[in-house]
Amino acid sequence: MRVRCVAWCAALVFAILPAVSFAQSPCPGIHVKVLNIRNSTGTVACALFESEAGFPTEFLHSATNIMVIKIRATQARCDFEDIPPGKYALAVIHDENMNGILDTNWLGIPTEGYGFSNDAKATLGAPSFSAASFPYDGRNLDLTISLEY
């Protein structure tokens, strides 16, 4: 009886093994988890840039890829897949009123959340592309960006 049970378990393991070993991994890409979202109102826009042209303010015209995600329970994640290896930078905004821009007050200070790759800081203006840039080798890359308000 005991030998039969061991044989049965071994048969199950070997039957499942090919499915496990040949299972496909997730698509390689740049996966961005957005942290510090103050509420679930509106959307989060993630813009991926491959050069300093238009970074970060002209994302609609200059970004290589743009992803707009609905916020769920103050969480958002942007997945950029099929991205060739290279040097990139990310800009993220919390567009609470969904008007497609980062709103500012009369002094030009943002009233909505924003963040950049490498935790590049915006002091007296947006950070440079080089401050926010990172190398991407074509494999999976997990990043986190914390929003500032």
N, C-alpha and C. Protein backbone atom coordinates (compact mmCIF):
# COMPACT_ATOMS: atom_id res chain seq x y z
N MET A 1 0.83 -1.19 0.00
CA MET A 1 0.00 0.00 0.00
C MET A 1 0.87 1.25 0.00
N ARG A 2 1.89 1.26 0.86
CA ARG A 2 2.77 2.43 0.97
C ARG A 2 3.54 2.64 -0.34
N VAL A 3 4.04 1.56 -0.96
CA VAL A 3 4.79 1.65 -2.21
C VAL A 3 3.88 2.20 -3.31
N ARG A 4 2.63 1.77 -3.31
CA ARG A 4 1.67 2.21 -4.32
C ARG A 4 1.41 3.72 -4.17
N CYS A 5 1.34 4.21 -2.93
CA CYS A 5 1.12 5.65 -2.67
C CYS A 5 2.32 6.47 -3.15
N VAL A 6 3.54 5.99 -2.86
CA VAL A 6 4.75 6.69 -3.31
C VAL A 6 4.81 6.71 -4.83
N ALA A 7 4.49 5.60 -5.46
CA ALA A 7 4.50 5.52 -6.93
C ALA A 7 3.47 6.48 -7.53
N TRP A 8 2.30 6.56 -6.92
CA TRP A 8 1.25 7.46 -7.39
C TRP A 8 1.69 8.92 -7.28
N CYS A 9 2.30 9.30 -6.15
CA CYS A 9 2.79 10.67 -5.96
C CYS A 9 3.91 10.99 -6.96
N ALA A 10 4.80 10.04 -7.19
CA ALA A 10 5.88 10.26 -8.16
C ALA A 10 5.31 10.46 -9.56
N ALA A 11 4.32 9.69 -9.92
CA ALA A 11 3.70 9.82 -11.24
C ALA A 11 3.06 11.20 -11.39
N LEU A 12 2.41 11.70 -10.34
CA LEU A 12 1.81 13.04 -10.40
C LEU A 12 2.87 14.13 -10.56
N VAL A 13 3.96 14.00 -9.81
CA VAL A 13 5.03 14.99 -9.90
C VAL A 13 5.60 15.02 -11.30
N PHE A 14 5.87 13.85 -11.89
CA PHE A 14 6.45 13.81 -13.24
C PHE A 14 5.44 14.24 -14.30
N ALA A 15 4.17 14.08 -14.04
CA ALA A 15 3.15 14.55 -14.99
C ALA A 15 3.05 16.06 -14.98
N ILE A 16 3.23 16.68 -13.82
CA ILE A 16 3.12 18.13 -13.69
C ILE A 16 4.42 18.83 -14.06
N LEU A 17 5.56 18.17 -13.89
CA LEU A 17 6.87 18.77 -14.11
C LEU A 17 7.04 19.44 -15.47
N PRO A 18 6.65 18.81 -16.60
CA PRO A 18 6.83 19.50 -17.88
C PRO A 18 6.05 20.82 -17.96
N ALA A 19 4.86 20.86 -17.40
CA ALA A 19 4.07 22.09 -17.42
C ALA A 19 4.74 23.19 -16.62
N VAL A 20 5.36 22.83 -15.50
CA VAL A 20 6.03 23.80 -14.67
C VAL A 20 7.30 24.30 -15.34
N SER A 21 8.09 23.39 -15.91
CA SER A 21 9.37 23.79 -16.49
C SER A 21 9.21 24.56 -17.78
N PHE A 22 8.13 24.35 -18.51
CA PHE A 22 7.93 25.07 -19.76
C PHE A 22 6.95 26.23 -19.63
N ALA A 23 6.54 26.55 -18.41
CA ALA A 23 5.62 27.68 -18.20
C ALA A 23 6.30 28.96 -18.64
N GLN A 24 5.55 29.83 -19.29
CA GLN A 24 6.11 31.07 -19.78
C GLN A 24 6.19 32.10 -18.66
N SER A 25 7.29 32.83 -18.65
CA SER A 25 7.45 33.90 -17.67
C SER A 25 6.72 35.12 -18.18
N PRO A 26 6.46 36.09 -17.30
CA PRO A 26 5.81 37.32 -17.75
C PRO A 26 6.65 38.01 -18.81
N CYS A 27 5.99 38.81 -19.64
CA CYS A 27 6.69 39.54 -20.69
C CYS A 27 7.74 40.45 -20.09
N PRO A 28 8.93 40.47 -20.69
CA PRO A 28 9.94 41.39 -20.17
C PRO A 28 9.51 42.83 -20.42
N GLY A 29 9.86 43.69 -19.51
CA GLY A 29 9.50 45.09 -19.66
C GLY A 29 9.86 45.89 -18.43
N ILE A 30 9.44 47.13 -18.45
CA ILE A 30 9.66 48.05 -17.34
C ILE A 30 8.35 48.12 -16.56
N HIS A 31 8.37 47.66 -15.34
CA HIS A 31 7.16 47.57 -14.52
C HIS A 31 7.28 48.58 -13.38
N VAL A 32 6.34 49.53 -13.34
CA VAL A 32 6.42 50.65 -12.42
C VAL A 32 5.28 50.60 -11.42
N LYS A 33 5.63 50.50 -10.15
CA LYS A 33 4.64 50.57 -9.08
C LYS A 33 4.65 52.00 -8.55
N VAL A 34 3.49 52.64 -8.56
CA VAL A 34 3.37 54.03 -8.12
C VAL A 34 2.92 54.04 -6.67
N LEU A 35 3.72 54.68 -5.82
CA LEU A 35 3.45 54.73 -4.39
C LEU A 35 3.05 56.14 -3.96
N ASN A 36 2.47 56.23 -2.78
CA ASN A 36 2.15 57.52 -2.17
C ASN A 36 1.02 58.28 -2.87
N ILE A 37 0.08 57.55 -3.45
CA ILE A 37 -1.07 58.20 -4.10
C ILE A 37 -2.03 58.62 -2.99
N ARG A 38 -2.38 59.89 -2.94
CA ARG A 38 -3.15 60.37 -1.78
C ARG A 38 -4.62 59.99 -1.79
N ASN A 39 -5.18 59.67 -2.95
CA ASN A 39 -6.58 59.23 -3.02
C ASN A 39 -6.79 58.45 -4.31
N SER A 40 -7.98 57.91 -4.48
CA SER A 40 -8.29 57.12 -5.67
C SER A 40 -9.03 57.91 -6.73
N THR A 41 -9.02 59.21 -6.62
CA THR A 41 -9.69 60.08 -7.59
C THR A 41 -8.82 60.26 -8.82
N GLY A 42 -9.42 60.14 -9.99
CA GLY A 42 -8.71 60.42 -11.24
C GLY A 42 -7.87 59.25 -11.74
N THR A 43 -6.77 59.61 -12.42
CA THR A 43 -5.90 58.62 -13.04
C THR A 43 -4.43 58.92 -12.72
N VAL A 44 -3.60 57.95 -13.02
CA VAL A 44 -2.15 58.13 -12.96
C VAL A 44 -1.65 58.00 -14.39
N ALA A 45 -0.85 58.98 -14.82
CA ALA A 45 -0.24 58.93 -16.15
C ALA A 45 1.25 58.67 -15.99
N CYS A 46 1.74 57.64 -16.65
CA CYS A 46 3.17 57.30 -16.65
C CYS A 46 3.70 57.57 -18.05
N ALA A 47 4.76 58.36 -18.14
CA ALA A 47 5.36 58.69 -19.44
C ALA A 47 6.80 58.20 -19.45
N LEU A 48 7.13 57.40 -20.45
CA LEU A 48 8.47 56.85 -20.62
C LEU A 48 9.18 57.62 -21.73
N PHE A 49 10.33 58.21 -21.40
CA PHE A 49 11.10 59.00 -22.35
C PHE A 49 12.40 58.28 -22.68
N GLU A 50 12.84 58.36 -23.95
CA GLU A 50 14.12 57.77 -24.33
C GLU A 50 15.18 58.83 -24.62
N SER A 51 14.80 60.11 -24.49
CA SER A 51 15.77 61.19 -24.66
C SER A 51 15.31 62.39 -23.84
N GLU A 52 16.15 63.38 -23.76
CA GLU A 52 15.83 64.57 -22.98
C GLU A 52 14.83 65.49 -23.69
N ALA A 53 14.57 65.24 -24.96
CA ALA A 53 13.63 66.08 -25.72
C ALA A 53 12.25 66.03 -25.07
N GLY A 54 11.80 67.17 -24.55
CA GLY A 54 10.48 67.29 -23.96
C GLY A 54 10.33 66.73 -22.56
N PHE A 55 11.39 66.17 -21.99
CA PHE A 55 11.28 65.60 -20.65
C PHE A 55 11.21 66.71 -19.62
N PRO A 56 10.34 66.63 -18.66
CA PRO A 56 9.19 65.75 -18.50
C PRO A 56 7.87 66.43 -18.88
N THR A 57 7.92 67.69 -19.23
CA THR A 57 6.68 68.46 -19.37
C THR A 57 5.91 68.19 -20.66
N GLU A 58 6.57 67.82 -21.72
CA GLU A 58 5.90 67.61 -23.00
C GLU A 58 5.64 66.13 -23.27
N PHE A 59 5.09 65.46 -22.26
CA PHE A 59 4.94 64.01 -22.40
C PHE A 59 3.99 63.60 -23.51
N LEU A 60 2.97 64.38 -23.80
CA LEU A 60 2.04 64.01 -24.87
C LEU A 60 2.70 64.06 -26.24
N HIS A 61 3.68 64.92 -26.42
CA HIS A 61 4.35 65.06 -27.71
C HIS A 61 5.67 64.31 -27.79
N SER A 62 6.36 64.14 -26.69
CA SER A 62 7.74 63.65 -26.73
C SER A 62 7.98 62.28 -26.12
N ALA A 63 7.09 61.80 -25.30
CA ALA A 63 7.32 60.51 -24.63
C ALA A 63 7.28 59.36 -25.63
N THR A 64 8.12 58.36 -25.39
CA THR A 64 8.14 57.16 -26.22
C THR A 64 6.86 56.35 -26.02
N ASN A 65 6.45 56.21 -24.78
CA ASN A 65 5.22 55.49 -24.42
C ASN A 65 4.52 56.25 -23.30
N ILE A 66 3.20 56.26 -23.35
CA ILE A 66 2.40 56.87 -22.29
C ILE A 66 1.34 55.86 -21.88
N MET A 67 1.14 55.75 -20.59
CA MET A 67 0.13 54.84 -20.07
C MET A 67 -0.70 55.61 -19.05
N VAL A 68 -2.01 55.57 -19.20
CA VAL A 68 -2.92 56.20 -18.25
C VAL A 68 -3.69 55.09 -17.56
N ILE A 69 -3.59 55.07 -16.23
CA ILE A 69 -4.15 53.98 -15.43
C ILE A 69 -5.16 54.53 -14.43
N LYS A 70 -6.28 53.86 -14.31
CA LYS A 70 -7.27 54.18 -13.28
C LYS A 70 -6.72 53.72 -11.94
N ILE A 71 -6.88 54.55 -10.94
CA ILE A 71 -6.39 54.24 -9.60
C ILE A 71 -7.41 53.36 -8.89
N ARG A 72 -6.92 52.31 -8.26
CA ARG A 72 -7.78 51.42 -7.49
C ARG A 72 -7.20 51.28 -6.09
N ALA A 73 -7.97 51.71 -5.10
CA ALA A 73 -7.56 51.62 -3.69
C ALA A 73 -6.20 52.29 -3.48
N THR A 74 -6.05 53.47 -4.01
CA THR A 74 -4.83 54.30 -3.94
C THR A 74 -3.58 53.56 -4.44
N GLN A 75 -3.77 52.67 -5.41
CA GLN A 75 -2.64 51.97 -5.99
C GLN A 75 -2.72 52.02 -7.51
N ALA A 76 -1.54 52.04 -8.15
CA ALA A 76 -1.46 52.01 -9.60
C ALA A 76 -0.16 51.34 -10.01
N ARG A 77 -0.19 50.73 -11.18
CA ARG A 77 0.99 50.07 -11.72
C ARG A 77 0.98 50.25 -13.23
N CYS A 78 2.10 50.68 -13.77
CA CYS A 78 2.25 50.85 -15.22
C CYS A 78 3.23 49.80 -15.71
N ASP A 79 2.84 49.05 -16.73
CA ASP A 79 3.69 48.01 -17.31
C ASP A 79 3.99 48.35 -18.75
N PHE A 80 5.25 48.69 -19.02
CA PHE A 80 5.71 48.98 -20.38
C PHE A 80 6.40 47.72 -20.89
N GLU A 81 5.79 47.08 -21.89
CA GLU A 81 6.34 45.84 -22.43
C GLU A 81 6.82 46.06 -23.85
N ASP A 82 7.66 45.15 -24.32
CA ASP A 82 8.22 45.21 -25.66
C ASP A 82 9.01 46.51 -25.86
N ILE A 83 9.82 46.85 -24.89
CA ILE A 83 10.66 48.05 -24.92
C ILE A 83 12.08 47.62 -25.28
N PRO A 84 12.69 48.23 -26.29
CA PRO A 84 14.06 47.86 -26.63
C PRO A 84 15.06 48.34 -25.58
N PRO A 85 16.18 47.67 -25.44
CA PRO A 85 17.21 48.12 -24.49
C PRO A 85 17.64 49.56 -24.80
N GLY A 86 17.99 50.29 -23.76
CA GLY A 86 18.43 51.66 -23.94
C GLY A 86 18.43 52.41 -22.63
N LYS A 87 18.50 53.72 -22.75
CA LYS A 87 18.50 54.61 -21.58
C LYS A 87 17.15 55.33 -21.57
N TYR A 88 16.46 55.29 -20.42
CA TYR A 88 15.12 55.84 -20.32
C TYR A 88 14.97 56.67 -19.04
N ALA A 89 13.92 57.47 -18.99
CA ALA A 89 13.52 58.18 -17.78
C ALA A 89 12.00 58.17 -17.73
N LEU A 90 11.46 58.17 -16.52
CA LEU A 90 10.01 58.14 -16.31
C LEU A 90 9.54 59.38 -15.57
N ALA A 91 8.38 59.87 -15.99
CA ALA A 91 7.67 60.93 -15.28
C ALA A 91 6.26 60.42 -15.02
N VAL A 92 5.77 60.62 -13.80
CA VAL A 92 4.45 60.14 -13.41
C VAL A 92 3.68 61.29 -12.78
N ILE A 93 2.39 61.42 -13.15
CA ILE A 93 1.54 62.42 -12.50
C ILE A 93 0.24 61.77 -12.03
N HIS A 94 -0.30 62.32 -10.96
CA HIS A 94 -1.63 61.93 -10.48
C HIS A 94 -2.58 63.01 -10.98
N ASP A 95 -3.29 62.69 -12.04
CA ASP A 95 -4.22 63.64 -12.67
C ASP A 95 -5.58 63.49 -12.01
N GLU A 96 -5.75 64.16 -10.88
CA GLU A 96 -6.97 63.99 -10.08
C GLU A 96 -8.23 64.45 -10.81
N ASN A 97 -8.15 65.52 -11.58
CA ASN A 97 -9.34 66.02 -12.28
C ASN A 97 -9.41 65.53 -13.73
N MET A 98 -8.48 64.66 -14.12
CA MET A 98 -8.45 64.03 -15.44
C MET A 98 -8.52 65.02 -16.59
N ASN A 99 -7.74 66.10 -16.48
CA ASN A 99 -7.70 67.07 -17.58
C ASN A 99 -6.45 66.91 -18.45
N GLY A 100 -5.62 65.91 -18.16
CA GLY A 100 -4.47 65.60 -19.00
C GLY A 100 -3.22 66.42 -18.73
N ILE A 101 -3.24 67.26 -17.70
CA ILE A 101 -2.06 68.07 -17.37
C ILE A 101 -1.82 68.03 -15.87
N LEU A 102 -0.60 68.41 -15.49
CA LEU A 102 -0.27 68.56 -14.08
C LEU A 102 -0.68 69.96 -13.67
N ASP A 103 -1.73 70.07 -12.87
CA ASP A 103 -2.23 71.38 -12.46
C ASP A 103 -1.28 72.03 -11.47
N THR A 104 -1.20 73.36 -11.55
CA THR A 104 -0.34 74.13 -10.65
C THR A 104 -1.14 75.31 -10.09
N ASN A 105 -0.62 75.88 -9.01
CA ASN A 105 -1.24 77.08 -8.46
C ASN A 105 -0.71 78.31 -9.20
N TRP A 106 -1.05 79.50 -8.76
CA TRP A 106 -0.67 80.73 -9.46
C TRP A 106 0.84 80.98 -9.42
N LEU A 107 1.54 80.30 -8.49
CA LEU A 107 3.00 80.43 -8.42
C LEU A 107 3.71 79.38 -9.28
N GLY A 108 2.95 78.47 -9.88
CA GLY A 108 3.54 77.41 -10.69
C GLY A 108 3.88 76.16 -9.91
N ILE A 109 3.48 76.11 -8.65
CA ILE A 109 3.74 74.93 -7.81
C ILE A 109 2.64 73.89 -8.07
N PRO A 110 3.04 72.64 -8.35
CA PRO A 110 2.03 71.61 -8.65
C PRO A 110 1.04 71.41 -7.50
N THR A 111 -0.22 71.27 -7.88
CA THR A 111 -1.28 70.97 -6.90
C THR A 111 -1.71 69.51 -6.99
N GLU A 112 -1.15 68.76 -7.94
CA GLU A 112 -1.41 67.34 -8.09
C GLU A 112 -0.08 66.59 -7.91
N GLY A 113 -0.17 65.31 -7.66
CA GLY A 113 1.03 64.51 -7.40
C GLY A 113 1.89 64.30 -8.63
N TYR A 114 3.19 64.20 -8.41
CA TYR A 114 4.15 63.96 -9.48
C TYR A 114 5.34 63.18 -8.94
N GLY A 115 6.06 62.48 -9.81
CA GLY A 115 7.25 61.75 -9.40
C GLY A 115 8.07 61.38 -10.62
N PHE A 116 9.34 61.01 -10.37
CA PHE A 116 10.27 60.70 -11.44
C PHE A 116 11.08 59.47 -11.09
N SER A 117 11.58 58.80 -12.11
CA SER A 117 12.46 57.66 -11.87
C SER A 117 13.72 58.14 -11.15
N ASN A 118 14.37 57.22 -10.47
CA ASN A 118 15.56 57.50 -9.63
C ASN A 118 15.22 58.42 -8.47
N ASP A 119 13.95 58.63 -8.18
CA ASP A 119 13.53 59.57 -7.15
C ASP A 119 14.15 60.95 -7.38
N ALA A 120 14.32 61.31 -8.65
CA ALA A 120 14.87 62.61 -9.00
C ALA A 120 13.95 63.70 -8.44
N LYS A 121 14.52 64.67 -7.80
CA LYS A 121 13.74 65.72 -7.13
C LYS A 121 13.54 66.93 -8.02
N ALA A 122 12.37 67.54 -7.87
CA ALA A 122 12.04 68.77 -8.59
C ALA A 122 12.28 69.94 -7.65
N THR A 123 13.43 70.58 -7.77
CA THR A 123 13.73 71.75 -6.96
C THR A 123 13.86 72.94 -7.90
N LEU A 124 12.99 73.89 -7.73
CA LEU A 124 12.93 75.07 -8.61
C LEU A 124 12.78 74.68 -10.07
N GLY A 125 12.00 73.65 -10.32
CA GLY A 125 11.75 73.17 -11.68
C GLY A 125 11.91 71.67 -11.75
N ALA A 126 11.57 71.14 -12.90
CA ALA A 126 11.63 69.68 -13.10
C ALA A 126 13.08 69.21 -13.16
N PRO A 127 13.33 67.96 -12.76
CA PRO A 127 14.69 67.43 -12.85
C PRO A 127 15.10 67.21 -14.30
N SER A 128 16.38 67.07 -14.53
CA SER A 128 16.88 66.82 -15.88
C SER A 128 16.67 65.35 -16.26
N PHE A 129 16.75 65.09 -17.55
CA PHE A 129 16.65 63.72 -18.04
C PHE A 129 17.77 62.87 -17.44
N SER A 130 18.97 63.41 -17.38
CA SER A 130 20.10 62.63 -16.86
C SER A 130 19.91 62.28 -15.37
N ALA A 131 19.27 63.16 -14.61
CA ALA A 131 19.03 62.87 -13.18
C ALA A 131 18.00 61.75 -13.01
N ALA A 132 17.08 61.64 -13.94
CA ALA A 132 16.01 60.63 -13.83
C ALA A 132 16.27 59.39 -14.68
N SER A 133 17.31 59.40 -15.49
CA SER A 133 17.51 58.30 -16.44
C SER A 133 18.07 57.05 -15.78
N PHE A 134 17.80 55.91 -16.42
CA PHE A 134 18.26 54.61 -15.95
C PHE A 134 18.51 53.73 -17.16
N PRO A 135 19.44 52.77 -17.05
CA PRO A 135 19.67 51.85 -18.17
C PRO A 135 18.64 50.71 -18.14
N TYR A 136 18.25 50.26 -19.31
CA TYR A 136 17.34 49.12 -19.42
C TYR A 136 17.96 48.12 -20.38
N ASP A 137 18.12 46.88 -19.94
CA ASP A 137 18.81 45.86 -20.74
C ASP A 137 17.87 44.93 -21.51
N GLY A 138 16.57 45.18 -21.49
CA GLY A 138 15.63 44.35 -22.23
C GLY A 138 14.99 43.25 -21.41
N ARG A 139 15.44 43.07 -20.17
CA ARG A 139 14.83 42.06 -19.29
C ARG A 139 13.86 42.75 -18.35
N ASN A 140 13.25 41.99 -17.45
CA ASN A 140 12.31 42.57 -16.49
C ASN A 140 13.02 43.56 -15.57
N LEU A 141 12.41 44.73 -15.41
CA LEU A 141 12.93 45.75 -14.51
C LEU A 141 11.76 46.27 -13.69
N ASP A 142 11.83 46.11 -12.37
CA ASP A 142 10.79 46.59 -11.47
C ASP A 142 11.26 47.89 -10.83
N LEU A 143 10.45 48.95 -10.98
CA LEU A 143 10.75 50.25 -10.40
C LEU A 143 9.60 50.69 -9.51
N THR A 144 9.91 51.53 -8.54
CA THR A 144 8.87 52.18 -7.75
C THR A 144 9.11 53.68 -7.82
N ILE A 145 8.02 54.41 -7.93
CA ILE A 145 8.07 55.86 -7.95
C ILE A 145 7.10 56.37 -6.90
N SER A 146 7.61 57.16 -5.98
CA SER A 146 6.77 57.76 -4.94
C SER A 146 6.35 59.15 -5.39
N LEU A 147 5.07 59.43 -5.28
CA LEU A 147 4.55 60.73 -5.69
C LEU A 147 4.78 61.77 -4.60
N GLU A 148 5.00 62.99 -5.02
CA GLU A 148 5.12 64.15 -4.13
C GLU A 148 3.91 65.04 -4.37
N TYR A 149 3.42 65.67 -3.32
CA TYR A 149 2.28 66.58 -3.46
C TYR A 149 2.65 67.94 -2.90
